[in-house]
Structure formats: structure tokens, C-alpha cells
Protein backbone atom coordinates (compact mmCIF):
# COMPACT_ATOMS: atom_id res chain seq x y z
CA MET A 1 0.18 0.35 -0.11
CA VAL A 2 1.22 3.74 -1.01
CA LYS A 3 0.15 6.23 1.22
CA ILE A 4 0.15 9.99 0.18
CA VAL A 5 -0.75 13.05 1.61
CA GLN A 6 -2.03 16.22 -0.17
CA ILE A 7 -1.85 19.43 0.94
CA SER A 8 -2.81 22.54 -1.29
CA ASP A 9 -3.32 26.28 -1.35
CA CYS A 10 -1.03 27.56 1.46
CA HIS A 11 -1.09 31.31 -0.30
CA LEU A 12 2.03 32.11 2.04
CA PHE A 13 2.69 35.85 2.22
CA GLU A 14 6.28 38.04 2.08
CA ASN A 15 5.19 39.14 5.44
CA PRO A 16 5.02 35.77 7.88
CA HIS A 17 3.15 37.83 10.25
CA LYS A 18 0.21 38.77 7.76
CA ASN A 19 -3.02 37.23 7.96
CA GLY A 20 -5.92 36.75 5.35
CA TYR A 21 -9.41 35.68 5.45
CA ASN A 22 -11.50 34.76 8.65
CA ASP A 23 -7.99 36.59 10.04
CA ILE A 24 -6.23 33.36 9.53
CA ASN A 25 -2.41 33.65 9.08
CA PRO A 26 -1.51 31.06 6.71
CA ALA A 27 2.25 30.35 7.89
CA ASP A 28 0.70 29.34 11.22
CA THR A 29 -2.08 27.09 9.98
CA LEU A 30 0.32 25.70 7.46
CA ARG A 31 2.58 24.50 10.40
CA LYS A 32 -0.43 23.09 12.41
CA THR A 33 -1.26 20.96 9.42
CA LEU A 34 2.06 19.66 8.99
CA ARG A 35 2.20 18.76 12.48
CA LYS A 36 -0.55 16.84 12.30
CA LEU A 37 -0.15 14.98 8.93
CA VAL A 38 3.69 13.93 9.95
CA ALA A 39 1.93 10.84 12.23
CA HIS A 40 0.94 9.07 9.01
CA GLN A 41 4.28 9.02 7.66
CA PRO A 42 2.91 8.93 4.40
CA ASP A 43 5.16 7.77 1.28
CA LEU A 44 4.87 11.07 -0.29
CA LEU A 45 3.43 14.64 0.42
CA MET A 46 1.72 16.22 -2.70
CA VAL A 47 1.30 19.80 -2.90
CA THR A 48 -1.53 20.94 -5.67
CA GLY A 49 -0.69 24.34 -6.16
CA ASP A 50 -1.03 27.90 -4.76
CA ILE A 51 2.00 27.64 -2.66
CA SER A 52 2.15 31.68 -2.33
CA GLY A 53 -0.41 33.94 -2.29
CA ASP A 54 1.69 36.87 -3.36
CA ARG A 55 4.10 35.15 -5.97
CA SER A 56 6.91 36.28 -3.61
CA GLU A 57 10.34 35.00 -3.50
CA ALA A 58 10.07 34.87 0.68
CA SER A 59 6.94 32.92 0.57
CA TYR A 60 8.45 30.25 -1.46
CA LEU A 61 11.46 30.48 1.08
CA ALA A 62 9.42 30.46 4.20
CA PHE A 63 7.38 27.25 2.85
CA LEU A 64 10.57 25.26 2.49
CA HIS A 65 11.84 26.35 5.62
CA ILE A 66 8.23 25.19 7.01
CA VAL A 67 8.01 22.05 5.20
CA ASN A 68 12.13 20.86 5.69
CA ASP A 69 11.90 21.81 9.52
CA ILE A 70 8.59 19.74 10.24
CA LEU A 71 9.24 16.68 7.25
CA PRO A 72 12.62 16.60 6.83
CA ASP A 73 12.31 12.66 5.78
CA ILE A 74 9.44 12.81 3.57
CA PRO A 75 9.50 13.01 -0.07
CA MET A 76 7.44 15.95 -1.54
CA ARG A 77 6.27 16.82 -5.31
CA ILE A 78 4.29 19.78 -6.28
CA VAL A 79 2.44 21.36 -9.05
CA ILE A 80 2.08 24.93 -10.16
CA GLY A 81 -1.22 26.79 -9.14
CA ASN A 82 -2.58 29.94 -10.44
CA HIS A 83 -1.40 32.25 -7.47
CA ASP A 84 2.05 31.14 -7.70
CA ASN A 85 5.31 32.53 -9.45
CA PRO A 86 6.11 29.89 -12.29
CA ASP A 87 9.79 31.43 -12.65
CA LEU A 88 10.39 31.26 -8.70
CA VAL A 89 8.92 27.70 -8.45
CA ASN A 90 11.00 26.66 -11.11
CA SER A 91 14.25 28.10 -9.79
CA LEU A 92 13.76 27.41 -6.14
CA LEU A 93 11.54 24.65 -5.86
CA ALA A 94 12.93 22.85 -9.13
CA GLU A 95 13.73 19.60 -7.80
CA TYR A 96 10.18 19.00 -6.42
CA VAL A 97 7.86 19.80 -9.29
CA LEU A 98 6.25 16.84 -10.71
CA HIS A 99 6.36 16.87 -14.37
CA ALA A 100 3.65 14.95 -16.84
CA GLY A 101 6.55 12.88 -18.30
CA GLU A 102 8.20 11.95 -15.18
CA PRO A 103 5.94 10.42 -12.74
CA VAL A 104 6.48 9.16 -9.10
CA THR A 105 6.16 5.51 -8.97
CA HIS A 106 5.61 3.51 -5.65
CA GLY A 107 4.78 -0.35 -6.45
CA ASN A 108 2.50 -0.49 -9.32
CA TRP A 109 0.83 3.12 -8.93
CA HIS A 110 2.06 6.08 -11.21
CA ILE A 111 1.29 9.66 -9.97
CA HIS A 112 1.59 12.32 -12.77
CA GLY A 113 1.49 15.93 -12.61
CA LEU A 114 -0.26 18.40 -14.84
CA ASN A 115 0.92 22.00 -14.79
CA SER A 116 -2.44 23.92 -15.78
CA PHE A 117 -1.34 27.50 -14.88
CA TYR A 118 -2.42 29.93 -17.61
CA GLN A 119 -3.70 33.06 -17.43
CA LYS A 120 -5.14 34.95 -14.06
CA ALA A 121 -7.01 32.49 -12.34
CA GLU A 122 -7.86 30.32 -15.15
CA GLY A 123 -6.58 27.13 -15.90
CA PHE A 124 -5.03 25.32 -19.02
CA VAL A 125 -3.12 21.79 -19.34
CA SER A 126 -1.30 21.60 -22.89
CA HIS A 127 -2.18 18.80 -25.18
CA THR A 128 1.41 17.81 -25.07
CA GLN A 129 1.14 16.90 -21.43
CA LEU A 130 -2.08 14.80 -21.70
CA GLU A 131 -0.11 13.03 -24.18
CA GLN A 132 2.84 12.26 -22.13
CA VAL A 133 0.63 11.07 -19.43
CA LYS A 134 -1.15 8.78 -21.80
CA ALA A 135 2.15 7.46 -23.27
CA LEU A 136 3.37 6.61 -19.84
CA VAL A 137 -0.17 4.70 -19.42
CA LEU A 138 0.21 3.04 -22.48
CA GLN A 139 3.71 1.92 -21.41
CA HIS A 140 2.33 0.29 -17.88
CA PRO A 141 -0.94 -0.85 -19.11
CA ASN A 142 -1.52 -3.21 -15.97
CA ASP A 143 -0.48 -0.69 -13.71
CA PHE A 144 -2.79 2.02 -12.04
CA HIS A 145 -2.12 5.52 -12.37
CA MET A 146 -2.97 9.18 -10.73
CA LEU A 147 -3.06 12.62 -12.02
CA ALA A 148 -2.51 15.76 -9.63
CA VAL A 149 -3.17 18.88 -10.94
CA HIS A 150 -4.36 22.38 -9.49
CA HIS A 151 -7.50 23.73 -11.19
CA HIS A 152 -10.60 21.49 -10.86
CA PRO A 153 -11.75 19.00 -13.60
CA LEU A 154 -15.51 19.46 -12.65
CA PRO A 155 -18.21 22.11 -12.61
CA THR A 156 -18.68 23.12 -8.56
CA HIS A 157 -21.67 25.50 -9.35
CA SER A 158 -20.41 27.98 -7.54
CA TRP A 159 -18.19 31.03 -8.04
CA MET A 160 -15.50 28.93 -8.21
CA ASP A 161 -16.32 28.34 -11.79
CA LYS A 162 -15.71 31.75 -12.84
CA HIS A 163 -11.98 30.72 -12.35
CA ALA A 164 -12.15 27.27 -14.49
CA TRP A 165 -9.93 24.88 -15.99
CA ILE A 166 -10.98 26.14 -19.47
CA ASN A 167 -9.85 22.89 -21.64
CA ARG A 168 -10.59 20.23 -18.95
CA GLU A 169 -12.95 18.40 -21.38
CA ALA A 170 -9.51 17.17 -23.18
CA CYS A 171 -8.13 15.66 -19.73
CA LEU A 172 -11.58 14.22 -19.06
CA ALA A 173 -11.77 12.34 -22.58
CA LEU A 174 -8.40 11.11 -21.78
CA ILE A 175 -10.07 9.47 -18.20
CA GLU A 176 -12.78 8.42 -19.82
CA SER A 177 -10.71 6.56 -22.46
CA THR A 178 -8.11 5.15 -19.94
CA PRO A 179 -9.15 2.85 -17.56
CA GLN A 180 -5.76 2.42 -15.76
CA ILE A 181 -6.23 6.23 -14.53
CA ARG A 182 -8.01 5.48 -10.96
CA GLY A 183 -7.65 8.66 -9.06
CA LEU A 184 -7.11 12.76 -9.98
CA MET A 185 -6.23 15.39 -7.10
CA HIS A 186 -6.81 18.57 -7.39
CA GLY A 187 -6.69 21.95 -4.95
CA HIS A 188 -8.00 25.45 -6.01
CA ILE A 189 -11.43 25.28 -4.92
CA HIS A 190 -10.38 25.17 -0.85
CA ALA A 191 -12.67 22.87 0.28
CA ASP A 192 -13.65 18.77 0.70
CA LYS A 193 -14.90 17.42 -2.63
CA GLN A 194 -15.25 13.72 -4.34
CA ALA A 195 -16.69 13.00 -7.61
CA ARG A 196 -16.25 10.42 -10.23
CA ILE A 197 -16.15 9.89 -13.96
CA ALA A 198 -15.25 6.39 -15.55
CA GLN A 199 -13.59 4.93 -13.43
CA CYS A 200 -11.79 7.73 -11.82
CA ASP A 201 -12.50 8.94 -8.47
CA ILE A 202 -11.50 13.02 -8.33
CA PHE A 203 -10.87 14.38 -5.31
CA ALA A 204 -10.12 18.05 -4.09
CA ALA A 205 -8.20 18.84 -0.89
CA PRO A 206 -9.07 21.46 1.92
CA SER A 207 -6.59 24.40 1.82
CA THR A 208 -4.63 24.48 4.58
CA CYS A 209 -5.28 28.06 5.04
CA TRP A 210 -8.98 29.38 5.01
CA GLN A 211 -11.63 27.48 3.45
CA PHE A 212 -14.00 28.56 0.45
CA ALA A 213 -17.75 28.41 0.24
CA LEU A 214 -19.22 26.69 -2.91
CA THR A 215 -21.87 29.35 -3.05
CA PRO A 216 -23.27 31.47 -5.75
CA SER A 217 -20.93 34.83 -4.57
CA PHE A 218 -17.63 34.52 -2.88
CA ALA A 219 -17.48 33.64 0.74
CA VAL A 220 -15.59 31.49 3.06
CA THR A 221 -16.49 28.93 6.01
CA ASP A 222 -15.29 28.76 9.39
CA GLU A 223 -13.88 25.31 8.66
CA SER A 224 -10.52 24.79 9.51
CA ALA A 225 -7.33 24.31 7.38
CA GLY A 226 -6.76 20.41 6.75
CA PHE A 227 -5.25 17.84 4.30
CA ARG A 228 -5.95 14.85 2.25
CA LEU A 229 -4.62 11.32 2.95
CA PHE A 230 -4.77 8.62 0.14
CA SER A 231 -4.02 5.00 0.92
CA LEU A 232 -3.41 3.11 -2.61
CA HIS A 233 -3.55 -0.60 -2.82
CA PRO A 234 -2.14 -2.74 -5.34
CA ASP A 235 -5.03 -3.92 -6.68
CA GLY A 236 -6.33 -0.57 -8.01
CA THR A 237 -8.54 0.47 -5.47
CA LEU A 238 -8.18 3.66 -3.26
CA HIS A 239 -9.13 4.96 0.15
CA THR A 240 -9.32 8.54 1.06
CA SER A 241 -10.20 10.53 4.25
CA VAL A 242 -9.91 14.39 5.09
CA GLU A 243 -8.34 15.22 8.28
CA ARG A 244 -8.39 19.26 9.93
CA ILE A 245 -6.34 20.88 12.29
């Protein structure tokens, strides 16, 4: 069995004392989230984007310091979110970026990263990335595969859909035609949500800071920060749960 913990949407600021929505300090809640998840001793920490809230160099250095302090021995991979600064991510965190053509493999499970960074808050995943994933799935047709991306692939029927993954249909078509893809994890919506397309379960994780209400107009909730835990089994089944601080 493979254990993966997903965190998302840390939104760290250049000023570590700055608070955001609900008077939450994102650095403080990130620390509390990591301290809670460390007990699970995951095989992989997967970060699904928006590490930074202001695209500052200091926010990424703070992230690295916090993670290395609390989880020094747990491997980490990240994908880029719409609030991130791709240039800084690819310089300061290059070793952790999970690319579509270079999955992380544990047993007979392969975890593929997709970069959905596009313009403003919208998402877009290139045809090249999807073809790279498809090629690797075909190379390992008897194994199981999971995708990690920032933007949500299915509508939430809320204000968040104004910040959509605009070519998500291409990824959904890949999922529907490729039964080996059993899961997709994403962030962006700051909420615990689950859905299913064909054989693929789709999961969102809570933010490590403030939580969004999936309502017609923008709102935040009083739910606390959290993470999602995955257990990936050799027979292709997966189990998941959400824990909050």
C-alpha cells in the first residue's frame, strides 16, 4: 500500500505575520497542518498548487523552511497553481516539481503531475502534457495511475467556476478512454469535494489556510485547515479521508 498526503493552497505571504481571510495566518495553519499529518508517515507529500499568496520569493523560502523543519524525511512533489510564480517555483523548488512526463512511482502506482497555470485564475493543460501521460499509461498498461493538478476538472456550480480549467474536456476524455487512471487530486477550490468520472475518482483537498464556500457568490466558511490522505492499494482500489487541524 502507498500512502500519499495531499496539501493545497497554502497562500503564504512575503510578510510571515500577515493574515488573510477570517484573520487566518497561513504560515501558522500550514505548520499546524504539517504537524498533524506527520503522524501518518506518508510515502509522498503532494502539494497541489498555490504555495504562494503573493508570488514573492520570501513566501517560497518560508514554505521550504516550514516543510523541511517539520517533514525533513518525507519526499515531496508539487504542481503549480494560478497564484504561484512559475519562474520562482522552477528556480527555488525545481527539484520538487512533478512533470507530466516524469511521474513518481510507488509499486504499481504512478503519480503524474499536470501544470494548469495559464492566465489570471484560469487553468489550461497543454495537449503535450496529456499525450505524455497517455504514453506512459500505455507503457504500463497493467499498473494504475493518478493525476495531480491544481484546477478543478468538474464544475462546482459556484462562484469558483469563474476561475475554471478552460480545456478540462481534453483531460476528461483521456480519463474516460484510459481505465488505468483511477484517481485525480486537485486543489484550487479550498474545499473537501469528491466526484467520479468513469472509473476515476476525483478529489479536492481543503486548503491549509482559509476554506471557500461553494456558493453562488464569494464566501469563506468557518471550517479549519486540513489535508487529504490517500491509501493506494495494489489491486487498483484507493481509500481516502480528510483531516482538519
